[in-house]
Amino acid sequence: MKKLLLMMSLLLTFSMFCACSNSDEMDSYLSNSNLENEIDNVQDIIQVSFSLLNDKGKPDSLFRYGEDICFELMITNKSDKKLFFFDDVFLGNDFFTVYREDGTYVGTPWTSIGTEFSGAGITISPKSSKRYTCKWIGMEADRPIEKKHELDPLPKGSYYTKTCIKYRDLNNVIQDIYIEKEFYTRFIIQ
């Protein structure tokens, strides 16, 4: 009788293990595909693009020495919610940072980001786009980017810029979920 009970216990344990295993695999598969769709939806709701612009305002990666490179970030808000900087959208400390090809830090075209005003005043309205720019040499910059002095032209050579931006996942019930997007762009000064 003990052998029969032991055998039945083993069979019951084995069948429960198999059932849980299949269920977990199915739940995992469903969760992963739902997550991918959710991320795709968020990226459709908030679209972010980065470009380097030449003197004519056209995207480029080859510049003449002395040409004032314009760093441009475009954020499109396709949601029905107003987006607030420093609440829904964050610019990292590496925002528009320039490095030499070998990784040596060169600098940023901006002096500070959003230190002289409240983030509540910087918004992106629903169903609209906003363009944020900062020139390397000139004083032109769009809030929340601030520039207090002009910079010398970048010397001839190969460079890259890294820009990181985080924005709220508007489809997620949990308010503290963000998506991070990093842009890496190579360019040459000749």
C-alpha atoms as a PDB file:
ATOM      1  CA  MET A   1       0.000   0.000   0.000  1.00  0.00           C
ATOM      2  CA  LYS A   2       2.860   2.397   0.847  1.00  0.00           C
ATOM      3  CA  LYS A   3       4.406   1.732  -2.577  1.00  0.00           C
ATOM      4  CA  LEU A   4       1.085   2.511  -4.259  1.00  0.00           C
ATOM      5  CA  LEU A   5       0.690   5.787  -2.315  1.00  0.00           C
ATOM      6  CA  LEU A   6       4.299   6.726  -3.032  1.00  0.00           C
ATOM      7  CA  MET A   7       3.845   5.950  -6.720  1.00  0.00           C
ATOM      8  CA  MET A   8       0.596   7.962  -6.893  1.00  0.00           C
ATOM      9  CA  SER A   9       2.248  10.907  -5.066  1.00  0.00           C
ATOM     10  CA  LEU A  10       5.117  10.888  -7.552  1.00  0.00           C
ATOM     11  CA  LEU A  11       2.734  10.732 -10.520  1.00  0.00           C
ATOM     12  CA  LEU A  12       0.602  13.546  -9.085  1.00  0.00           C
ATOM     13  CA  THR A  13       3.686  15.705  -8.409  1.00  0.00           C
ATOM     14  CA  PHE A  14       5.053  15.014 -11.902  1.00  0.00           C
ATOM     15  CA  SER A  15       1.728  15.872 -13.585  1.00  0.00           C
ATOM     16  CA  MET A  16       1.415  19.102 -11.571  1.00  0.00           C
ATOM     17  CA  PHE A  17       4.971  20.049 -12.523  1.00  0.00           C
ATOM     18  CA  CYS A  18       4.245  19.443 -16.224  1.00  0.00           C
ATOM     19  CA  ALA A  19       0.988  21.391 -16.063  1.00  0.00           C
ATOM     20  CA  CYS A  20       2.679  24.349 -14.349  1.00  0.00           C
ATOM     21  CA  SER A  21       5.546  24.261 -16.757  1.00  0.00           C
ATOM     22  CA  ASN A  22       3.284  24.462 -19.820  1.00  0.00           C
ATOM     23  CA  SER A  23       1.159  27.186 -18.247  1.00  0.00           C
ATOM     24  CA  ASP A  24       4.216  29.243 -17.284  1.00  0.00           C
ATOM     25  CA  GLU A  25       5.632  28.933 -20.774  1.00  0.00           C
ATOM     26  CA  MET A  26       2.330  30.052 -22.289  1.00  0.00           C
ATOM     27  CA  ASP A  27       2.006  32.973 -19.830  1.00  0.00           C
ATOM     28  CA  SER A  28       5.602  33.965 -20.528  1.00  0.00           C
ATOM     29  CA  TYR A  29       5.001  33.885 -24.269  1.00  0.00           C
ATOM     30  CA  LEU A  30       1.826  35.974 -23.948  1.00  0.00           C
ATOM     31  CA  SER A  31       3.509  38.466 -21.627  1.00  0.00           C
ATOM     32  CA  ASN A  32       6.467  38.921 -23.946  1.00  0.00           C
ATOM     33  CA  SER A  33       4.350  39.506 -27.017  1.00  0.00           C
ATOM     34  CA  ASN A  34       2.074  41.928 -25.130  1.00  0.00           C
ATOM     35  CA  LEU A  35       5.130  43.811 -23.877  1.00  0.00           C
ATOM     36  CA  GLU A  36       6.541  44.131 -27.383  1.00  0.00           C
ATOM     37  CA  ASN A  37       3.220  45.481 -28.644  1.00  0.00           C
ATOM     38  CA  GLU A  38       3.028  47.918 -25.730  1.00  0.00           C
ATOM     39  CA  ILE A  39       6.494  49.279 -26.454  1.00  0.00           C
ATOM     40  CA  ASP A  40       5.626  49.647 -30.128  1.00  0.00           C
ATOM     41  CA  ASN A  41       2.468  51.562 -29.172  1.00  0.00           C
ATOM     42  CA  VAL A  42       4.404  53.914 -26.890  1.00  0.00           C
ATOM     43  CA  GLN A  43       6.954  54.578 -29.580  1.00  0.00           C
ATOM     44  CA  ASP A  44       4.056  55.410 -31.903  1.00  0.00           C
ATOM     45  CA  ILE A  45       2.504  57.749 -29.302  1.00  0.00           C
ATOM     46  CA  ILE A  46       5.748  59.629 -28.569  1.00  0.00           C
ATOM     47  CA  GLN A  47       8.203  59.827 -31.441  1.00  0.00           C
ATOM     48  CA  VAL A  48      11.708  61.175 -30.985  1.00  0.00           C
ATOM     49  CA  SER A  49      14.263  61.972 -33.665  1.00  0.00           C
ATOM     50  CA  PHE A  50      17.715  63.567 -33.626  1.00  0.00           C
ATOM     51  CA  SER A  51      19.652  65.263 -36.456  1.00  0.00           C
ATOM     52  CA  LEU A  52      22.715  67.378 -37.064  1.00  0.00           C
ATOM     53  CA  LEU A  53      21.850  70.237 -39.429  1.00  0.00           C
ATOM     54  CA  ASN A  54      24.164  72.209 -41.715  1.00  0.00           C
ATOM     55  CA  ASP A  55      24.024  75.996 -42.337  1.00  0.00           C
ATOM     56  CA  LYS A  56      21.138  75.428 -44.778  1.00  0.00           C
ATOM     57  CA  GLY A  57      19.068  73.596 -42.147  1.00  0.00           C
ATOM     58  CA  LYS A  58      19.493  70.211 -43.854  1.00  0.00           C
ATOM     59  CA  PRO A  59      20.518  66.987 -42.032  1.00  0.00           C
ATOM     60  CA  ASP A  60      24.205  66.278 -42.668  1.00  0.00           C
ATOM     61  CA  SER A  61      27.240  64.476 -41.294  1.00  0.00           C
ATOM     62  CA  LEU A  62      29.950  66.329 -43.237  1.00  0.00           C
ATOM     63  CA  PHE A  63      30.656  69.958 -42.239  1.00  0.00           C
ATOM     64  CA  ARG A  64      33.169  72.610 -43.273  1.00  0.00           C
ATOM     65  CA  TYR A  65      35.508  74.040 -40.649  1.00  0.00           C
ATOM     66  CA  GLY A  66      33.778  77.083 -39.103  1.00  0.00           C
ATOM     67  CA  GLU A  67      30.285  75.965 -40.114  1.00  0.00           C
ATOM     68  CA  ASP A  68      27.843  76.284 -37.210  1.00  0.00           C
ATOM     69  CA  ILE A  69      26.404  72.819 -36.583  1.00  0.00           C
ATOM     70  CA  CYS A  70      22.830  72.803 -35.323  1.00  0.00           C
ATOM     71  CA  PHE A  71      21.852  69.957 -32.961  1.00  0.00           C
ATOM     72  CA  GLU A  72      18.143  69.218 -33.401  1.00  0.00           C
ATOM     73  CA  LEU A  73      15.816  67.059 -31.307  1.00  0.00           C
ATOM     74  CA  MET A  74      12.236  66.623 -32.541  1.00  0.00           C
ATOM     75  CA  ILE A  75       9.560  65.225 -30.213  1.00  0.00           C
ATOM     76  CA  THR A  76       6.129  64.359 -31.596  1.00  0.00           C
ATOM     77  CA  ASN A  77       3.323  63.833 -29.086  1.00  0.00           C
ATOM     78  CA  LYS A  78       0.538  61.806 -30.714  1.00  0.00           C
ATOM     79  CA  SER A  79      -1.257  61.280 -27.395  1.00  0.00           C
ATOM     80  CA  ASP A  80      -4.205  63.185 -25.933  1.00  0.00           C
ATOM     81  CA  LYS A  81      -2.059  64.192 -22.930  1.00  0.00           C
ATOM     82  CA  LYS A  82       0.098  67.292 -22.556  1.00  0.00           C
ATOM     83  CA  LEU A  83       3.735  66.307 -21.930  1.00  0.00           C
ATOM     84  CA  PHE A  84       5.778  68.200 -19.348  1.00  0.00           C
ATOM     85  CA  PHE A  85       9.569  68.454 -19.331  1.00  0.00           C
ATOM     86  CA  PHE A  86      11.173  67.165 -16.122  1.00  0.00           C
ATOM     87  CA  ASP A  87       8.026  65.108 -15.450  1.00  0.00           C
ATOM     88  CA  ASP A  88       7.169  63.210 -18.647  1.00  0.00           C
ATOM     89  CA  VAL A  89      10.334  63.949 -20.667  1.00  0.00           C
ATOM     90  CA  PHE A  90      13.918  64.031 -19.362  1.00  0.00           C
ATOM     91  CA  LEU A  91      17.088  65.102 -21.137  1.00  0.00           C
ATOM     92  CA  GLY A  92      20.209  63.325 -19.869  1.00  0.00           C
ATOM     93  CA  ASN A  93      23.482  65.003 -18.898  1.00  0.00           C
ATOM     94  CA  ASP A  94      24.996  63.602 -22.093  1.00  0.00           C
ATOM     95  CA  PHE A  95      22.447  65.523 -24.165  1.00  0.00           C
ATOM     96  CA  PHE A  96      24.139  66.728 -27.416  1.00  0.00           C
ATOM     97  CA  THR A  97      27.564  65.724 -26.027  1.00  0.00           C
ATOM     98  CA  VAL A  98      30.389  65.699 -28.586  1.00  0.00           C
ATOM     99  CA  TYR A  99      33.378  63.331 -28.500  1.00  0.00           C
ATOM    100  CA  ARG A 100      36.388  62.889 -30.765  1.00  0.00           C
ATOM    101  CA  GLU A 101      36.437  59.655 -32.744  1.00  0.00           C
ATOM    102  CA  ASP A 102      38.781  58.102 -30.109  1.00  0.00           C
ATOM    103  CA  GLY A 103      36.233  58.793 -27.321  1.00  0.00           C
ATOM    104  CA  THR A 104      37.868  61.960 -25.933  1.00  0.00           C
ATOM    105  CA  TYR A 105      35.238  64.295 -24.464  1.00  0.00           C
ATOM    106  CA  VAL A 106      34.987  67.612 -26.363  1.00  0.00           C
ATOM    107  CA  GLY A 107      31.939  69.258 -24.767  1.00  0.00           C
ATOM    108  CA  THR A 108      28.322  70.266 -25.263  1.00  0.00           C
ATOM    109  CA  PRO A 109      26.900  73.173 -27.232  1.00  0.00           C
ATOM    110  CA  TRP A 110      24.726  74.175 -24.243  1.00  0.00           C
ATOM    111  CA  THR A 111      25.578  75.747 -20.894  1.00  0.00           C
ATOM    112  CA  SER A 112      22.696  74.325 -18.829  1.00  0.00           C
ATOM    113  CA  ILE A 113      19.352  72.628 -19.206  1.00  0.00           C
ATOM    114  CA  GLY A 114      16.338  74.147 -17.481  1.00  0.00           C
ATOM    115  CA  THR A 115      17.949  75.765 -14.457  1.00  0.00           C
ATOM    116  CA  GLU A 116      16.332  79.214 -14.655  1.00  0.00           C
ATOM    117  CA  PHE A 117      12.660  78.306 -14.940  1.00  0.00           C
ATOM    118  CA  SER A 118      10.059  75.788 -13.865  1.00  0.00           C
ATOM    119  CA  GLY A 119       9.651  72.665 -15.984  1.00  0.00           C
ATOM    120  CA  ALA A 120       5.888  73.116 -15.779  1.00  0.00           C
ATOM    121  CA  GLY A 121       6.166  75.922 -18.322  1.00  0.00           C
ATOM    122  CA  ILE A 122       7.803  73.677 -20.918  1.00  0.00           C
ATOM    123  CA  THR A 123       5.208  71.472 -22.540  1.00  0.00           C
ATOM    124  CA  ILE A 124       4.418  69.590 -25.709  1.00  0.00           C
ATOM    125  CA  SER A 125       0.727  69.879 -26.501  1.00  0.00           C
ATOM    126  CA  PRO A 126      -1.344  66.841 -27.507  1.00  0.00           C
ATOM    127  CA  LYS A 127      -1.206  65.935 -31.213  1.00  0.00           C
ATOM    128  CA  SER A 128       1.738  68.252 -31.912  1.00  0.00           C
ATOM    129  CA  SER A 129       5.492  68.326 -32.414  1.00  0.00           C
ATOM    130  CA  LYS A 130       8.183  70.493 -30.855  1.00  0.00           C
ATOM    131  CA  ARG A 131      11.655  71.131 -32.148  1.00  0.00           C
ATOM    132  CA  TYR A 132      14.540  71.750 -29.747  1.00  0.00           C
ATOM    133  CA  THR A 133      17.793  73.058 -31.184  1.00  0.00           C
ATOM    134  CA  CYS A 134      21.151  74.329 -30.041  1.00  0.00           C
ATOM    135  CA  LYS A 135      23.958  75.637 -32.248  1.00  0.00           C
ATOM    136  CA  TRP A 136      27.581  74.761 -31.561  1.00  0.00           C
ATOM    137  CA  ILE A 137      29.035  78.223 -32.216  1.00  0.00           C
ATOM    138  CA  GLY A 138      26.115  80.664 -32.048  1.00  0.00           C
ATOM    139  CA  MET A 139      23.918  81.580 -29.101  1.00  0.00           C
ATOM    140  CA  GLU A 140      20.726  80.065 -30.526  1.00  0.00           C
ATOM    141  CA  ALA A 141      19.052  77.495 -28.238  1.00  0.00           C
ATOM    142  CA  ASP A 142      15.458  76.496 -27.497  1.00  0.00           C
ATOM    143  CA  ARG A 143      14.132  76.131 -23.952  1.00  0.00           C
ATOM    144  CA  PRO A 144      14.812  74.068 -21.863  1.00  0.00           C
ATOM    145  CA  ILE A 145      18.300  74.228 -23.419  1.00  0.00           C
ATOM    146  CA  GLU A 146      20.243  77.322 -22.340  1.00  0.00           C
ATOM    147  CA  LYS A 147      23.423  78.792 -23.779  1.00  0.00           C
ATOM    148  CA  LYS A 148      25.313  81.674 -22.149  1.00  0.00           C
ATOM    149  CA  HIS A 149      28.303  82.059 -24.495  1.00  0.00           C
ATOM    150  CA  GLU A 150      29.506  81.239 -27.984  1.00  0.00           C
ATOM    151  CA  LEU A 151      31.949  78.399 -28.618  1.00  0.00           C
ATOM    152  CA  ASP A 152      34.920  78.214 -30.966  1.00  0.00           C
ATOM    153  CA  PRO A 153      34.438  76.134 -34.124  1.00  0.00           C
ATOM    154  CA  LEU A 154      35.262  72.454 -33.796  1.00  0.00           C
ATOM    155  CA  PRO A 155      38.715  71.655 -35.247  1.00  0.00           C
ATOM    156  CA  LYS A 156      38.933  69.474 -38.356  1.00  0.00           C
ATOM    157  CA  GLY A 157      38.542  65.775 -37.611  1.00  0.00           C
ATOM    158  CA  SER A 158      36.105  62.935 -36.942  1.00  0.00           C
ATOM    159  CA  TYR A 159      33.597  63.162 -34.105  1.00  0.00           C
ATOM    160  CA  TYR A 160      30.462  61.589 -32.734  1.00  0.00           C
ATOM    161  CA  THR A 161      27.642  62.858 -30.585  1.00  0.00           C
ATOM    162  CA  LYS A 162      25.550  60.962 -28.070  1.00  0.00           C
ATOM    163  CA  THR A 163      22.129  62.072 -26.965  1.00  0.00           C
ATOM    164  CA  CYS A 164      19.908  60.286 -24.483  1.00  0.00           C
ATOM    165  CA  ILE A 165      16.275  61.078 -23.772  1.00  0.00           C
ATOM    166  CA  LYS A 166      13.809  59.374 -21.431  1.00  0.00           C
ATOM    167  CA  TYR A 167      10.063  59.715 -21.745  1.00  0.00           C
ATOM    168  CA  ARG A 168       7.086  58.352 -19.856  1.00  0.00           C
ATOM    169  CA  ASP A 169       5.360  55.188 -21.027  1.00  0.00           C
ATOM    170  CA  LEU A 170       1.883  56.700 -21.410  1.00  0.00           C
ATOM    171  CA  ASN A 171       0.227  53.286 -21.896  1.00  0.00           C
ATOM    172  CA  ASN A 172       1.433  51.973 -18.548  1.00  0.00           C
ATOM    173  CA  VAL A 173      -0.745  52.306 -15.454  1.00  0.00           C
ATOM    174  CA  ILE A 174       2.372  52.620 -13.285  1.00  0.00           C
ATOM    175  CA  GLN A 175       3.425  56.263 -13.617  1.00  0.00           C
ATOM    176  CA  ASP A 176       7.159  55.700 -13.113  1.00  0.00           C
ATOM    177  CA  ILE A 177       7.813  53.568 -16.201  1.00  0.00           C
ATOM    178  CA  TYR A 178      10.028  55.316 -18.777  1.00  0.00           C
ATOM    179  CA  ILE A 179      11.431  54.440 -22.161  1.00  0.00           C
ATOM    180  CA  GLU A 180      15.012  55.489 -22.850  1.00  0.00           C
ATOM    181  CA  LYS A 181      16.269  56.234 -26.327  1.00  0.00           C
ATOM    182  CA  GLU A 182      19.905  56.957 -27.176  1.00  0.00           C
ATOM    183  CA  PHE A 183      21.133  58.487 -30.408  1.00  0.00           C
ATOM    184  CA  TYR A 184      24.709  58.037 -31.625  1.00  0.00           C
ATOM    185  CA  THR A 185      25.708  60.097 -34.675  1.00  0.00           C
ATOM    186  CA  ARG A 186      29.118  60.261 -36.360  1.00  0.00           C
ATOM    187  CA  PHE A 187      30.197  63.421 -38.206  1.00  0.00           C
ATOM    188  CA  ILE A 188      33.275  64.952 -39.810  1.00  0.00           C
ATOM    189  CA  ILE A 189      34.658  68.502 -39.860  1.00  0.00           C
ATOM    190  CA  GLN A 190      36.800  69.099 -42.959  1.00  0.00           C
END
